[in-house]
Protein backbone atom coordinates (compact mmCIF):
# COMPACT_ATOMS: atom_id res chain seq x y z
CA MET A 1 114.87 167.32 185.89
CA GLY A 2 113.68 165.04 183.08
CA ALA A 3 112.15 161.59 182.72
CA LYS A 4 113.65 158.49 184.26
CA TYR A 5 114.31 155.63 181.84
CA GLU A 6 111.80 152.79 181.92
CA GLN A 7 112.08 149.71 179.72
CA PRO A 8 109.27 149.69 177.13
CA ASN A 9 106.71 146.91 176.90
CA LEU A 10 108.28 144.42 174.50
CA LYS A 11 105.24 142.09 174.25
CA LEU A 12 107.37 138.97 174.36
CA PRO A 13 105.82 135.52 173.80
CA SER A 14 106.05 132.98 176.59
CA GLU A 15 108.06 130.53 174.48
CA TYR A 16 109.77 130.19 171.13
CA ARG A 17 108.13 128.83 168.06
CA GLY A 18 110.24 125.94 166.87
CA GLY A 19 110.51 122.39 165.64
CA PHE A 20 111.58 120.60 168.82
CA GLU A 21 110.94 120.88 172.53
CA SER A 22 113.76 121.12 175.04
CA ASN A 23 113.00 120.01 178.55
CA GLY A 24 116.48 119.71 180.02
CA ASP A 25 117.68 121.51 183.13
CA SER A 26 120.84 122.98 181.56
CA ALA A 27 120.28 126.22 179.66
CA LEU A 28 122.17 126.20 176.38
CA PHE A 29 123.04 129.91 176.54
CA SER A 30 124.70 129.50 179.96
CA VAL A 31 127.19 126.90 178.69
CA LYS A 32 130.71 128.30 178.49
CA TRP A 33 132.12 128.25 174.98
CA ARG A 34 135.01 126.03 176.12
CA GLU A 35 132.46 123.45 177.23
CA PHE A 36 130.32 123.83 174.10
CA PHE A 37 133.12 122.77 171.74
CA ASN A 38 134.75 119.36 172.15
CA ASP A 39 137.59 119.66 169.66
CA PRO A 40 140.91 120.79 171.23
CA TYR A 41 142.17 122.18 167.91
CA LEU A 42 139.08 124.36 167.56
CA VAL A 43 139.35 125.56 171.17
CA GLY A 44 143.00 126.47 170.53
CA LEU A 45 142.05 128.49 167.44
CA ILE A 46 139.41 130.40 169.40
CA ASP A 47 141.88 131.12 172.21
CA SER A 48 144.35 132.55 169.70
CA ALA A 49 141.63 134.64 168.07
CA LEU A 50 140.44 136.17 171.35
CA ALA A 51 144.00 137.26 172.08
CA ASN A 52 145.13 138.36 168.61
CA ASN A 53 142.13 139.12 166.42
CA PHE A 54 142.21 142.76 165.26
CA ASP A 55 138.47 143.35 165.74
CA MET A 56 138.74 142.13 169.34
CA ARG A 57 141.74 144.36 170.02
CA ILE A 58 139.96 147.38 168.52
CA ALA A 59 136.91 146.64 170.69
CA LEU A 60 139.12 146.62 173.78
CA LYS A 61 140.60 150.00 172.79
CA ASN A 62 137.08 151.40 172.45
CA ILE A 63 136.36 150.21 176.00
CA GLU A 64 139.45 152.07 177.24
CA ILE A 65 138.29 155.26 175.49
CA ALA A 66 134.81 154.99 177.01
CA ASN A 67 136.34 154.44 180.45
CA ARG A 68 138.45 157.59 180.09
CA ASN A 69 135.36 159.57 179.06
CA LEU A 70 133.61 158.40 182.23
CA ARG A 71 136.49 159.71 184.32
CA ILE A 72 136.25 163.08 182.56
CA ASN A 73 132.56 163.30 183.44
CA LYS A 74 133.20 162.59 187.13
CA SER A 75 135.71 165.44 187.26
CA GLU A 76 133.09 167.91 185.98
CA TYR A 77 131.50 168.00 189.44
CA LEU A 78 134.68 169.72 190.69
CA PRO A 79 135.70 173.30 189.94
CA SER A 80 138.30 173.84 187.24
CA VAL A 81 141.38 175.84 188.26
CA ASP A 82 143.83 177.52 185.87
CA ALA A 83 147.16 179.08 186.71
CA ASN A 84 148.33 182.22 184.95
CA ILE A 85 152.09 181.96 185.23
CA GLY A 86 152.74 185.33 183.68
CA THR A 87 150.91 187.77 181.43
CA VAL A 88 152.41 190.92 179.94
CA ASN A 89 149.93 193.28 178.29
CA LYS A 90 151.08 196.54 176.72
CA GLN A 91 148.78 198.65 174.54
CA TYR A 92 149.86 201.69 172.53
CA ARG A 93 147.70 204.57 171.28
CA SER A 94 148.18 207.91 169.49
CA LYS A 95 146.64 211.41 169.89
CA ASP A 96 143.72 210.70 167.52
CA PHE A 97 142.55 207.92 169.82
CA TYR A 98 139.81 209.11 172.18
CA SER A 99 141.97 209.10 175.26
CA SER A 100 145.24 210.34 176.59
CA ALA A 101 148.48 208.92 177.79
CA SER A 102 148.61 207.49 181.28
CA SER A 103 150.16 210.33 183.27
CA LYS A 104 150.93 208.02 186.16
CA TRP A 105 153.03 205.83 183.92
CA TYR A 106 155.11 208.69 182.53
CA ASP A 107 155.23 210.59 185.85
CA GLN A 108 156.77 207.57 187.52
CA LYS A 109 159.21 207.19 184.67
CA GLY A 110 160.05 210.93 184.83
CA GLU A 111 159.19 211.41 181.20
CA LYS A 112 156.82 213.55 179.20
CA ALA A 113 153.98 211.70 177.51
CA PRO A 114 154.40 211.64 173.73
CA GLU A 115 151.58 212.37 171.31
CA SER A 116 152.04 209.26 169.10
CA LEU A 117 152.27 205.65 170.21
CA PHE A 118 152.21 206.47 173.86
CA THR A 119 151.73 203.68 176.36
CA TYR A 120 148.02 203.56 176.95
CA GLN A 121 147.87 200.52 179.22
CA SER A 122 150.47 198.29 180.83
CA GLN A 123 149.79 195.23 182.98
CA PHE A 124 151.96 192.48 184.46
CA SER A 125 149.97 189.77 186.18
CA SER A 126 150.10 186.26 187.63
CA GLY A 127 147.50 184.31 189.56
CA LEU A 128 144.92 181.55 189.87
CA SER A 129 141.40 181.51 188.46
CA PHE A 130 138.59 179.03 188.95
CA SER A 131 135.15 178.31 187.53
CA TRP A 132 132.51 175.97 188.90
CA GLU A 133 129.17 175.04 187.40
CA LEU A 134 126.65 173.96 190.04
CA ASP A 135 124.71 170.99 188.67
CA VAL A 136 121.34 172.24 189.91
CA TRP A 137 119.17 170.44 187.35
CA GLY A 138 121.35 167.40 186.76
CA ARG A 139 122.96 168.20 183.41
CA ILE A 140 126.29 166.66 184.40
CA ALA A 141 124.50 163.67 185.90
CA ASN A 142 122.63 163.08 182.65
CA GLU A 143 125.84 163.42 180.68
CA GLY A 144 127.25 160.78 183.01
CA ASP A 145 124.31 158.52 182.14
CA ILE A 146 125.10 158.95 178.44
CA LEU A 147 128.77 158.13 178.97
CA LYS A 148 127.93 155.19 181.22
CA ALA A 149 125.56 153.86 178.54
CA ASP A 150 128.32 154.34 175.95
CA TRP A 151 130.77 152.48 178.17
CA LEU A 152 128.35 149.59 178.66
CA ASN A 153 127.65 149.68 174.93
CA THR A 154 131.34 149.20 174.17
CA GLN A 155 131.34 146.22 176.55
CA GLU A 156 128.43 144.69 174.66
CA THR A 157 130.07 145.50 171.33
CA ARG A 158 133.10 143.58 172.50
CA ASN A 159 130.85 140.66 173.53
CA ALA A 160 129.10 140.79 170.14
CA VAL A 161 132.47 140.76 168.37
CA GLN A 162 133.50 137.74 170.43
CA THR A 163 130.33 135.74 169.73
CA LYS A 164 130.59 136.48 165.99
CA LEU A 165 134.29 135.66 166.00
CA ILE A 166 133.71 132.31 167.72
CA ALA A 167 130.89 131.45 165.31
CA ASP A 168 132.99 132.44 162.28
CA ILE A 169 135.96 130.35 163.43
CA ALA A 170 133.73 127.35 164.17
CA SER A 171 132.04 127.69 160.78
CA GLY A 172 135.39 127.95 158.98
CA TYR A 173 136.80 125.01 160.94
CA PHE A 174 133.77 122.83 160.14
CA ASN A 175 134.07 123.85 156.49
CA LEU A 176 137.72 122.78 156.54
CA LEU A 177 136.78 119.35 157.93
CA LYS A 178 134.05 119.07 155.30
CA LEU A 179 136.55 119.85 152.52
CA ASP A 180 138.92 117.22 153.93
CA ALA A 181 136.11 114.66 153.88
CA GLN A 182 135.02 115.69 150.38
CA ILE A 183 138.51 115.30 148.98
CA GLU A 184 138.64 111.80 150.46
CA VAL A 185 135.31 111.00 148.80
CA ALA A 186 136.61 112.39 145.50
CA LYS A 187 139.80 110.30 145.70
CA ARG A 188 137.85 107.18 146.60
CA ASN A 189 135.45 107.79 143.72
CA LEU A 190 138.40 108.39 141.38
CA SER A 191 139.84 105.02 142.39
CA LEU A 192 136.47 103.40 141.69
CA ASN A 193 136.34 105.11 138.29
CA ASP A 194 139.82 103.81 137.52
CA SER A 195 138.65 100.26 138.21
CA THR A 196 135.59 100.76 136.02
CA LEU A 197 137.70 102.25 133.23
CA ARG A 198 140.06 99.28 133.28
CA MET A 199 137.10 96.92 133.04
CA ILE A 200 135.61 98.93 130.15
CA LYS A 201 138.97 98.87 128.30
CA LEU A 202 139.15 95.10 128.58
CA GLN A 203 135.67 94.76 127.13
CA PHE A 204 136.51 97.29 124.38
CA ASP A 205 139.65 95.35 123.49
CA ALA A 206 137.54 92.20 123.33
CA GLY A 207 135.16 93.98 120.95
CA GLU A 208 132.18 93.67 123.30
CA ILE A 209 131.47 97.42 123.54
CA THR A 210 131.98 100.50 121.38
CA ALA A 211 134.49 103.34 121.69
CA LEU A 212 131.64 105.57 122.92
CA ALA A 213 131.43 103.56 126.14
CA LEU A 214 135.17 103.99 126.66
CA GLN A 215 134.98 107.75 126.04
CA GLN A 216 132.03 108.31 128.41
CA THR A 217 133.68 106.30 131.14
CA GLU A 218 136.88 108.32 130.68
CA SER A 219 134.83 111.56 130.92
CA GLN A 220 133.28 110.38 134.19
CA ARG A 221 136.75 109.64 135.57
CA LEU A 222 138.07 113.08 134.53
CA LEU A 223 135.09 114.72 136.24
CA ALA A 224 135.96 113.00 139.51
CA ALA A 225 139.66 113.85 139.07
CA SER A 226 138.96 117.56 138.41
CA MET A 227 137.27 117.88 141.80
CA ILE A 228 140.51 117.16 143.67
CA PRO A 229 142.51 120.30 142.69
CA GLU A 230 139.40 122.42 143.19
CA LEU A 231 138.96 121.09 146.73
CA GLU A 232 142.69 121.48 147.45
CA LYS A 233 142.42 125.14 146.42
CA ASP A 234 139.39 125.65 148.71
CA ILE A 235 141.29 124.08 151.62
CA VAL A 236 144.21 126.51 151.27
CA ILE A 237 141.85 129.49 151.01
CA GLN A 238 139.89 128.38 154.09
CA GLU A 239 143.09 127.83 156.09
CA ASN A 240 144.27 131.34 155.20
CA ALA A 241 140.88 132.80 156.18
CA LEU A 242 141.10 131.13 159.59
CA ARG A 243 144.63 132.43 160.05
CA ILE A 244 143.40 135.98 159.44
CA LEU A 245 140.70 135.52 162.08
CA ILE A 246 143.28 134.46 164.67
CA GLY A 247 145.57 137.36 163.72
CA GLU A 248 148.33 135.31 162.09
CA MET A 249 149.94 135.10 158.67
CA PRO A 250 148.69 132.43 156.19
CA ASN A 251 149.69 128.90 157.10
CA ALA A 252 148.28 125.40 157.52
CA ILE A 253 145.71 124.65 160.24
CA GLU A 254 145.90 121.67 162.57
CA ARG A 255 142.55 119.93 162.79
CA ALA A 256 140.62 116.79 163.66
CA ASP A 257 140.28 113.76 161.40
CA SER A 258 136.53 113.70 160.78
CA LEU A 259 133.36 115.77 160.60
CA SER A 260 130.84 114.59 163.20
CA ASN A 261 128.24 115.81 165.70
CA THR A 262 130.62 115.05 168.57
CA LEU A 263 132.52 118.27 167.79
CA VAL A 264 129.92 120.19 169.83
CA ASN A 265 128.01 119.42 173.03
CA PHE A 266 124.43 119.56 171.82
CA ASP A 267 121.80 117.15 173.10
CA GLU A 268 118.20 118.08 172.46
CA GLN A 269 116.97 115.95 175.34
CA ASN A 270 119.23 117.51 177.98
CA ILE A 271 119.20 121.20 177.10
CA SER A 272 116.84 124.06 177.79
CA LEU A 273 116.31 126.92 175.36
CA GLY A 274 115.02 129.20 178.09
CA SER A 275 112.41 131.87 177.49
CA PRO A 276 112.43 134.90 175.16
CA LEU A 277 112.74 137.12 178.25
CA GLU A 278 116.14 135.61 179.01
CA ILE A 279 117.74 136.56 175.71
CA ILE A 280 117.15 140.24 176.58
CA ARG A 281 119.54 139.75 179.49
CA ARG A 282 122.00 137.71 177.41
CA ARG A 283 122.26 138.92 173.83
CA PRO A 284 124.84 141.69 173.35
CA ASP A 285 123.00 143.30 170.43
CA ILE A 286 119.77 143.61 172.46
CA LYS A 287 121.58 145.05 175.47
CA ALA A 288 123.47 147.49 173.23
CA ALA A 289 120.20 148.63 171.65
CA GLU A 290 118.74 149.27 175.11
CA TYR A 291 121.80 151.28 176.14
CA ASP A 292 121.20 153.44 173.05
CA VAL A 293 117.70 154.16 174.37
CA ILE A 294 119.10 155.03 177.82
CA ALA A 295 121.63 157.42 176.24
CA ALA A 296 118.93 159.04 174.08
CA ASN A 297 116.71 159.44 177.16
CA ALA A 298 119.52 161.20 179.04
CA ASP A 299 120.23 163.47 176.06
CA MET A 300 116.54 164.42 175.95
CA ASN A 301 116.76 165.38 179.63
CA ILE A 302 119.86 167.51 178.96
CA GLN A 303 118.10 169.42 176.17
CA GLN A 304 115.22 170.09 178.55
CA ILE A 305 117.64 171.31 181.23
CA MET A 306 119.24 173.75 178.79
CA ARG A 307 115.95 175.70 178.77
CA TYR A 308 116.27 176.46 182.52
CA PRO A 309 118.54 178.83 184.50
CA GLN A 310 122.20 177.86 184.97
CA LEU A 311 124.18 178.76 188.09
CA SER A 312 127.97 179.08 188.12
CA LEU A 313 130.69 180.51 190.33
CA SER A 314 134.03 181.96 189.27
CA GLY A 315 136.94 183.70 190.95
CA VAL A 316 140.48 184.94 190.59
CA PHE A 317 143.39 185.56 192.98
CA GLY A 318 146.85 186.80 192.10
CA VAL A 319 149.04 189.82 191.56
CA ASN A 320 148.74 192.64 189.05
CA SER A 321 150.76 195.79 188.51
CA MET A 322 151.41 198.47 185.96
CA LEU A 323 155.19 198.36 186.29
CA PRO A 324 157.35 195.22 186.10
CA LYS A 325 159.21 196.15 189.25
CA ASN A 326 155.97 196.10 191.24
CA TRP A 327 154.81 192.80 189.73
CA PHE A 328 155.16 190.81 192.95
CA ASN A 329 154.88 193.69 195.40
CA ILE A 330 152.86 192.27 198.32
CA PRO A 331 150.31 193.48 199.34
CA GLY A 332 150.23 196.36 196.89
CA ALA A 333 149.90 194.19 193.76
CA LEU A 334 147.39 191.69 195.20
CA LEU A 335 144.31 191.05 193.10
CA GLY A 336 141.23 189.05 194.10
CA GLY A 337 137.65 188.57 193.01
CA ILE A 338 134.71 186.18 193.15
CA ALA A 339 131.51 186.17 191.10
CA GLY A 340 128.28 184.24 191.01
CA GLU A 341 126.33 184.04 187.78
CA LEU A 342 122.72 182.99 187.25
CA THR A 343 121.72 183.00 183.58
CA THR A 344 118.60 181.87 181.80
CA PRO A 345 117.55 181.90 178.14
CA ILE A 346 114.70 184.33 177.34
CA PHE A 347 114.26 184.41 173.62
CA LYS A 348 116.09 182.00 171.31
CA ASN A 349 113.65 181.91 168.38
CA LYS A 350 112.27 178.59 169.71
CA LYS A 351 115.65 177.01 168.98
CA LEU A 352 116.00 175.37 172.41
CA LYS A 353 112.47 174.02 172.29
CA ASN A 354 112.99 172.51 168.87
CA ILE A 355 116.31 170.97 169.91
CA TYR A 356 114.49 169.36 172.84
CA GLU A 357 111.72 168.08 170.56
CA VAL A 358 114.31 166.59 168.19
CA ALA A 359 115.99 164.84 171.15
CA LYS A 360 112.59 163.54 172.24
CA ILE A 361 111.89 162.12 168.76
CA ASP A 362 115.37 160.61 168.64
CA ARG A 363 114.66 158.86 171.93
CA GLU A 364 111.43 157.43 170.47
CA LYS A 365 113.36 156.31 167.40
CA GLU A 366 115.94 154.45 169.52
CA GLU A 367 113.11 152.80 171.45
CA LEU A 368 111.59 151.55 168.19
CA ASN A 369 114.99 150.25 167.14
CA PHE A 370 115.28 148.43 170.48
CA GLN A 371 111.87 146.80 170.03
CA ARG A 372 112.76 145.78 166.48
CA THR A 373 116.06 144.24 167.66
CA VAL A 374 114.21 142.17 170.26
CA MET A 375 111.63 141.00 167.72
CA GLU A 376 114.33 140.05 165.21
CA ALA A 377 116.25 138.16 167.91
CA VAL A 378 113.19 136.11 168.92
CA SER A 379 112.52 135.38 165.25
CA GLU A 380 116.16 134.37 164.71
CA VAL A 381 115.99 131.88 167.57
CA SER A 382 112.74 130.45 166.21
CA ASN A 383 114.21 130.10 162.72
CA THR A 384 117.34 128.42 164.03
CA ILE A 385 115.34 125.95 166.16
CA THR A 386 113.37 124.95 163.08
CA THR A 387 116.58 124.66 161.04
CA VAL A 388 118.16 122.35 163.63
CA ASP A 389 115.08 120.14 163.67
CA LYS A 390 114.61 119.92 159.90
CA GLN A 391 118.28 119.36 159.17
CA LYS A 392 118.15 116.40 161.49
CA GLU A 393 115.47 114.91 159.22
CA GLN A 394 117.53 115.81 156.16
CA LEU A 395 120.56 114.07 157.65
CA ASP A 396 118.60 110.85 158.22
CA LEU A 397 117.32 110.88 154.64
CA SER A 398 120.76 111.72 153.25
CA ASN A 399 122.32 108.78 155.12
CA GLN A 400 119.70 106.49 153.58
CA ARG A 401 120.41 107.97 150.15
CA VAL A 402 124.16 107.35 150.49
CA ALA A 403 123.60 103.75 151.59
CA ASN A 404 121.21 103.19 148.68
CA SER A 405 123.54 104.79 146.09
CA GLN A 406 126.52 102.74 147.28
CA LEU A 407 124.46 99.58 146.99
CA ALA A 408 123.39 100.68 143.52
CA VAL A 409 127.04 101.05 142.44
CA LYS A 410 127.84 97.58 143.73
CA ASN A 411 124.86 96.00 141.99
CA ALA A 412 125.49 97.92 138.74
CA LEU A 413 129.05 96.61 138.57
CA LEU A 414 127.94 93.03 139.25
CA LEU A 415 125.18 93.23 136.64
CA PHE A 416 127.53 94.83 134.12
CA LYS A 417 130.05 92.03 134.56
CA SER A 418 127.23 89.53 134.05
CA GLY A 419 125.92 91.32 130.99
CA TYR A 420 122.64 92.43 132.56
CA ALA A 421 123.46 96.16 132.79
CA THR A 422 124.93 98.70 130.39
CA TYR A 423 127.96 100.88 130.99
CA LEU A 424 125.62 103.89 131.20
CA GLU A 425 123.91 102.39 134.24
CA VAL A 426 127.32 101.91 135.90
CA ILE A 427 128.34 105.50 135.18
CA THR A 428 124.99 106.85 136.39
CA ALA A 429 125.21 104.84 139.62
CA GLN A 430 128.74 106.08 140.32
CA SER A 431 127.76 109.69 139.57
CA ASN A 432 124.77 109.45 141.92
CA ALA A 433 126.92 107.91 144.64
CA LEU A 434 129.49 110.72 144.40
CA LYS A 435 126.83 113.42 144.54
CA SER A 436 124.98 111.80 147.45
CA GLU A 437 128.17 111.48 149.53
CA LEU A 438 129.15 115.09 148.86
CA ASP A 439 125.63 116.25 149.74
CA LEU A 440 125.77 114.26 152.98
CA LEU A 441 128.94 116.09 154.02
CA GLU A 442 127.31 119.44 153.20
CA ILE A 443 124.34 118.61 155.44
CA LYS A 444 126.65 117.48 158.26
CA GLN A 445 128.46 120.82 158.12
CA LYS A 446 125.19 122.77 158.01
CA GLN A 447 123.91 120.85 161.03
CA LEU A 448 127.02 121.73 163.06
CA ASN A 449 126.70 125.37 161.96
CA SER A 450 123.05 125.41 163.01
CA TYR A 451 124.02 124.22 166.51
CA VAL A 452 126.52 127.08 166.75
CA SER A 453 123.96 129.55 165.35
CA LEU A 454 121.38 128.50 167.94
CA TYR A 455 123.96 128.80 170.73
CA ARG A 456 124.85 132.30 169.55
CA ALA A 457 121.21 133.35 168.93
CA LEU A 458 120.33 132.46 172.53
CA GLY A 459 123.09 134.73 173.83
CA GLY A 460 125.88 132.22 174.44
CA GLY A 461 129.53 132.46 173.56
CA TRP A 462 130.68 135.71 175.18
CA ASP A 463 131.67 134.36 178.61
């Protein structure tokens, strides 16, 4: 009874829109995360996170719960049996009650039945009872489909947590390396400013320049010096954030010495991005969205089944007596019975129909959500491909800018010593050099993050 699930038409394009073509044989999404990252410190952090991160551990507990629910569903195909170890039932009535005392009870006791609070009924029983619903229309089977979809959903949730966790750790680790590099740039620039300040002081003492030149040079030096404690603060905060991700108390993080593209295995010429169809089989969020549709489809079937007749069997076997002394008198106290029940709803004020229609609409809603998730995933991959390509161009331009600004600082100092440049030109050149080097490190970090984002967007990182 009900409709079988069929995957909707997703109208996928044949290829991604992006800024570069990949013609390699190795699919990026199929690369294991241990092979994608080259840095042993980063791999160690990820290993610790997968074992100790609280979100990962919660996801595993959810999988255990879903697995237990599946076992419960399988047992519903079997009859349920209950044991009545012992029941004592005594009811008392008085003369105004529309009945009379049980003469048998008082005759056996050799007593006269009273008029008030006489024993009206007395039972002592033990036995076994069972009930069994026959799954004629497949209600239990459809409930099993819902629970199976939930179980698979928890698996994909765990995979999604892992891919996000790996990406977050990689991003934080790259940020830490960037901060290390930036603090080195700041210290180097501070040393350069110290040299310039000493030179300016000599010229001021010789009366060749004004006090304004000395003050502006000192301000430039203080600006470079103030960056160092700010960066040191950011380093501690980032280290603590990484420690939280790996489930440990705040502490320092061991790391590599430099920020470079060699931290990840990404070669545009030797990788394949695959097709949009493949991310449906890979991305945890897409698979989870489809399992939601499957569960909604099964629930719709259940609501349809509830409008049809239900067949069940029940029975009881045990002992029952009026007097305690005859409780286990065999065969006199034996009790047995079996019943078959076929019930069907007749008039429910259209409640069952409307519940079914709501379930049907909910299934359509989950299908729309599935289609939207697929569309957003394809768009995310396309955006990330473009980002990778354009950041490569930005990196080339930024390298040229750093080389040019460093040359400008060198020439400004030489010209200043020769009297062909002012102190303002020296300060401006040093300021531009500092900014260009810091910007270069930002772009390097963004490029590494874009590689990780593309790897994750294609469905990699969970195996």
